[in-house]
Amino acid sequence: QLQLVESGGGWVQPRGSLKLSCAVAGYSSNIYSIGWFRQAPGKEREGVACISVGSFIPNYADSAKGRFTISRDNAKNAVHLEMSNLKPENTADYYCAAAIMDRNCVFSTDAYDHWGQGTQVTVSS
């Protein structure tokens, strides 16, 4: 059974950086499209970044472009999300999700079958 475990969350000051990791257990992460999502209190879960299989094409939400980078780590069977220039509005629980897709990855939560438990990110001074 596929399992996803997020790590790397915590508290950071505005304009700081964090690196989140999504460890994949049970199967090779390379056969899955992996997405990073976040959910702030009182808000819907939204996609931040995702990466497809094969060509490893990343996709970013507008709010993440230029500041966030998603990447695969084959040696660790993981997918990372590096976040820089963080803002207070980036405070949320961050989740990774996986699905087998025959197209470029998408930000629809319904498209993902497997979810981690989340890691909390707090951006404040």
C-alpha atoms as a PDB file:
ATOM      1  CA  GLN A   1       0.000   0.000   0.000  1.00  0.00           C
ATOM      2  CA  LEU A   2       1.304   3.431  -0.900  1.00  0.00           C
ATOM      3  CA  GLN A   3       2.085   5.700   2.028  1.00  0.00           C
ATOM      4  CA  LEU A   4       3.096   9.340   2.005  1.00  0.00           C
ATOM      5  CA  VAL A   5       4.789  11.071   4.912  1.00  0.00           C
ATOM      6  CA  GLU A   6       5.470  14.795   4.923  1.00  0.00           C
ATOM      7  CA  SER A   7       8.212  16.459   6.927  1.00  0.00           C
ATOM      8  CA  GLY A   8      10.083  19.729   7.125  1.00  0.00           C
ATOM      9  CA  GLY A   9       7.352  22.056   8.309  1.00  0.00           C
ATOM     10  CA  GLY A  10       7.812  24.532  11.117  1.00  0.00           C
ATOM     11  CA  TRP A  11       7.953  28.177  11.961  1.00  0.00           C
ATOM     12  CA  VAL A  12       9.814  30.660   9.795  1.00  0.00           C
ATOM     13  CA  GLN A  13       9.995  34.419   9.623  1.00  0.00           C
ATOM     14  CA  PRO A  14       8.689  36.290   6.581  1.00  0.00           C
ATOM     15  CA  ARG A  15      11.107  36.106   3.642  1.00  0.00           C
ATOM     16  CA  GLY A  16      12.542  32.920   5.098  1.00  0.00           C
ATOM     17  CA  SER A  17      12.825  29.492   3.473  1.00  0.00           C
ATOM     18  CA  LEU A  18      11.711  25.958   4.205  1.00  0.00           C
ATOM     19  CA  LYS A  19      12.154  22.645   2.459  1.00  0.00           C
ATOM     20  CA  LEU A  20       9.311  20.176   2.728  1.00  0.00           C
ATOM     21  CA  SER A  21       9.755  16.523   1.923  1.00  0.00           C
ATOM     22  CA  CYS A  22       7.267  13.873   0.933  1.00  0.00           C
ATOM     23  CA  ALA A  23       8.623  10.393   1.578  1.00  0.00           C
ATOM     24  CA  VAL A  24       6.939   7.728  -0.512  1.00  0.00           C
ATOM     25  CA  ALA A  25       6.745   4.183   0.836  1.00  0.00           C
ATOM     26  CA  GLY A  26       5.394   1.072  -0.748  1.00  0.00           C
ATOM     27  CA  TYR A  27       6.067   1.871  -4.378  1.00  0.00           C
ATOM     28  CA  SER A  28       8.508   3.806  -6.475  1.00  0.00           C
ATOM     29  CA  SER A  29       7.587   7.464  -6.435  1.00  0.00           C
ATOM     30  CA  ASN A  30       8.534   7.676 -10.090  1.00  0.00           C
ATOM     31  CA  ILE A  31       5.346   6.001 -11.248  1.00  0.00           C
ATOM     32  CA  TYR A  32       3.193   8.625  -9.574  1.00  0.00           C
ATOM     33  CA  SER A  33       2.403  12.222 -10.219  1.00  0.00           C
ATOM     34  CA  ILE A  34       2.983  13.999  -6.948  1.00  0.00           C
ATOM     35  CA  GLY A  35       1.269  17.168  -5.866  1.00  0.00           C
ATOM     36  CA  TRP A  36       1.768  19.545  -2.987  1.00  0.00           C
ATOM     37  CA  PHE A  37      -1.320  21.173  -1.568  1.00  0.00           C
ATOM     38  CA  ARG A  38      -1.977  23.480   1.348  1.00  0.00           C
ATOM     39  CA  GLN A  39      -4.945  24.289   3.493  1.00  0.00           C
ATOM     40  CA  ALA A  40      -5.153  27.364   5.647  1.00  0.00           C
ATOM     41  CA  PRO A  41      -7.671  27.575   8.510  1.00  0.00           C
ATOM     42  CA  GLY A  42     -11.133  28.181   7.158  1.00  0.00           C
ATOM     43  CA  LYS A  43     -10.058  27.806   3.560  1.00  0.00           C
ATOM     44  CA  GLU A  44     -10.258  25.106   0.952  1.00  0.00           C
ATOM     45  CA  ARG A  45      -7.315  22.940   0.104  1.00  0.00           C
ATOM     46  CA  GLU A  46      -5.450  24.346  -2.866  1.00  0.00           C
ATOM     47  CA  GLY A  47      -2.716  23.102  -5.131  1.00  0.00           C
ATOM     48  CA  VAL A  48       0.717  24.652  -4.853  1.00  0.00           C
ATOM     49  CA  ALA A  49       2.955  22.581  -7.104  1.00  0.00           C
ATOM     50  CA  CYS A  50       2.956  19.206  -8.764  1.00  0.00           C
ATOM     51  CA  ILE A  51       5.286  17.093 -10.818  1.00  0.00           C
ATOM     52  CA  SER A  52       4.424  14.586 -13.487  1.00  0.00           C
ATOM     53  CA  VAL A  53       6.012  11.246 -14.247  1.00  0.00           C
ATOM     54  CA  GLY A  54       8.186  10.627 -17.253  1.00  0.00           C
ATOM     55  CA  SER A  55       9.277  14.048 -18.357  1.00  0.00           C
ATOM     56  CA  PHE A  56       9.169  15.346 -14.789  1.00  0.00           C
ATOM     57  CA  ILE A  57       7.303  18.438 -15.900  1.00  0.00           C
ATOM     58  CA  PRO A  58       6.529  20.622 -12.881  1.00  0.00           C
ATOM     59  CA  ASN A  59       3.462  22.766 -12.569  1.00  0.00           C
ATOM     60  CA  TYR A  60       3.072  25.681 -10.182  1.00  0.00           C
ATOM     61  CA  ALA A  61       0.217  27.729  -8.899  1.00  0.00           C
ATOM     62  CA  ASP A  62       0.592  31.416  -9.706  1.00  0.00           C
ATOM     63  CA  SER A  63       1.258  32.170  -6.048  1.00  0.00           C
ATOM     64  CA  ALA A  64       4.182  29.739  -6.055  1.00  0.00           C
ATOM     65  CA  LYS A  65       5.897  30.652  -9.293  1.00  0.00           C
ATOM     66  CA  GLY A  66       9.364  32.012  -8.786  1.00  0.00           C
ATOM     67  CA  ARG A  67       9.434  31.147  -5.081  1.00  0.00           C
ATOM     68  CA  PHE A  68       8.694  27.428  -4.823  1.00  0.00           C
ATOM     69  CA  THR A  69      10.498  24.532  -6.481  1.00  0.00           C
ATOM     70  CA  ILE A  70       9.272  20.958  -6.622  1.00  0.00           C
ATOM     71  CA  SER A  71      11.736  18.186  -7.355  1.00  0.00           C
ATOM     72  CA  ARG A  72      12.105  14.433  -7.247  1.00  0.00           C
ATOM     73  CA  ASP A  73      14.743  12.717  -5.146  1.00  0.00           C
ATOM     74  CA  ASN A  74      15.065   9.246  -6.597  1.00  0.00           C
ATOM     75  CA  ALA A  75      17.698   8.181  -4.104  1.00  0.00           C
ATOM     76  CA  LYS A  76      15.271   8.800  -1.229  1.00  0.00           C
ATOM     77  CA  ASN A  77      12.076   7.923  -3.110  1.00  0.00           C
ATOM     78  CA  ALA A  78      10.794  11.334  -2.188  1.00  0.00           C
ATOM     79  CA  VAL A  79       9.558  14.598  -3.617  1.00  0.00           C
ATOM     80  CA  HIS A  80      10.657  17.900  -2.146  1.00  0.00           C
ATOM     81  CA  LEU A  81       9.099  21.329  -2.105  1.00  0.00           C
ATOM     82  CA  GLU A  82      11.576  24.110  -1.558  1.00  0.00           C
ATOM     83  CA  MET A  83       9.917  27.347  -0.542  1.00  0.00           C
ATOM     84  CA  SER A  84      11.643  30.704  -0.395  1.00  0.00           C
ATOM     85  CA  ASN A  85      10.612  34.283   0.308  1.00  0.00           C
ATOM     86  CA  LEU A  86       7.774  32.957   2.420  1.00  0.00           C
ATOM     87  CA  LYS A  87       4.913  35.231   3.357  1.00  0.00           C
ATOM     88  CA  PRO A  88       2.462  35.138   6.258  1.00  0.00           C
ATOM     89  CA  GLU A  89      -0.283  34.164   3.827  1.00  0.00           C
ATOM     90  CA  ASN A  90       1.656  30.969   3.091  1.00  0.00           C
ATOM     91  CA  THR A  91       0.819  29.754   6.602  1.00  0.00           C
ATOM     92  CA  ALA A  92      -1.079  26.489   6.242  1.00  0.00           C
ATOM     93  CA  ASP A  93      -0.962  22.749   6.595  1.00  0.00           C
ATOM     94  CA  TYR A  94       0.899  21.358   3.608  1.00  0.00           C
ATOM     95  CA  TYR A  95       0.033  17.986   2.152  1.00  0.00           C
ATOM     96  CA  CYS A  96       1.523  15.828  -0.535  1.00  0.00           C
ATOM     97  CA  ALA A  97      -0.627  13.606  -2.678  1.00  0.00           C
ATOM     98  CA  ALA A  98      -0.036  10.952  -5.312  1.00  0.00           C
ATOM     99  CA  ALA A  99      -1.868   9.563  -8.273  1.00  0.00           C
ATOM    100  CA  ILE A 100      -1.166   7.679 -11.444  1.00  0.00           C
ATOM    101  CA  MET A 101      -1.953  10.041 -14.283  1.00  0.00           C
ATOM    102  CA  ASP A 102      -1.638   9.653 -17.998  1.00  0.00           C
ATOM    103  CA  ARG A 103      -1.349  13.391 -18.490  1.00  0.00           C
ATOM    104  CA  ASN A 104       0.437  16.331 -16.943  1.00  0.00           C
ATOM    105  CA  CYS A 105      -0.230  16.696 -13.245  1.00  0.00           C
ATOM    106  CA  VAL A 106      -3.164  18.805 -12.126  1.00  0.00           C
ATOM    107  CA  PHE A 107      -4.244  20.685  -9.015  1.00  0.00           C
ATOM    108  CA  SER A 108      -7.621  19.093  -8.582  1.00  0.00           C
ATOM    109  CA  THR A 109      -7.770  17.325  -5.227  1.00  0.00           C
ATOM    110  CA  ASP A 110     -10.184  14.812  -6.728  1.00  0.00           C
ATOM    111  CA  ALA A 111      -7.461  13.614  -9.080  1.00  0.00           C
ATOM    112  CA  TYR A 112      -5.297  12.266  -6.256  1.00  0.00           C
ATOM    113  CA  ASP A 113      -5.862   8.936  -4.572  1.00  0.00           C
ATOM    114  CA  HIS A 114      -3.300   8.991  -1.816  1.00  0.00           C
ATOM    115  CA  TRP A 115      -2.612  11.685   0.757  1.00  0.00           C
ATOM    116  CA  GLY A 116      -0.182  12.243   3.554  1.00  0.00           C
ATOM    117  CA  GLN A 117      -1.104  13.521   6.994  1.00  0.00           C
ATOM    118  CA  GLY A 118       0.319  16.977   6.408  1.00  0.00           C
ATOM    119  CA  THR A 119       2.985  19.180   7.914  1.00  0.00           C
ATOM    120  CA  GLN A 120       2.326  22.585   9.377  1.00  0.00           C
ATOM    121  CA  VAL A 121       4.041  25.715   8.094  1.00  0.00           C
ATOM    122  CA  THR A 122       3.790  28.953  10.046  1.00  0.00           C
ATOM    123  CA  VAL A 123       5.184  32.185   8.655  1.00  0.00           C
ATOM    124  CA  SER A 124       5.222  35.021  11.152  1.00  0.00           C
ATOM    125  CA  SER A 125       7.488  37.508  12.800  1.00  0.00           C
END
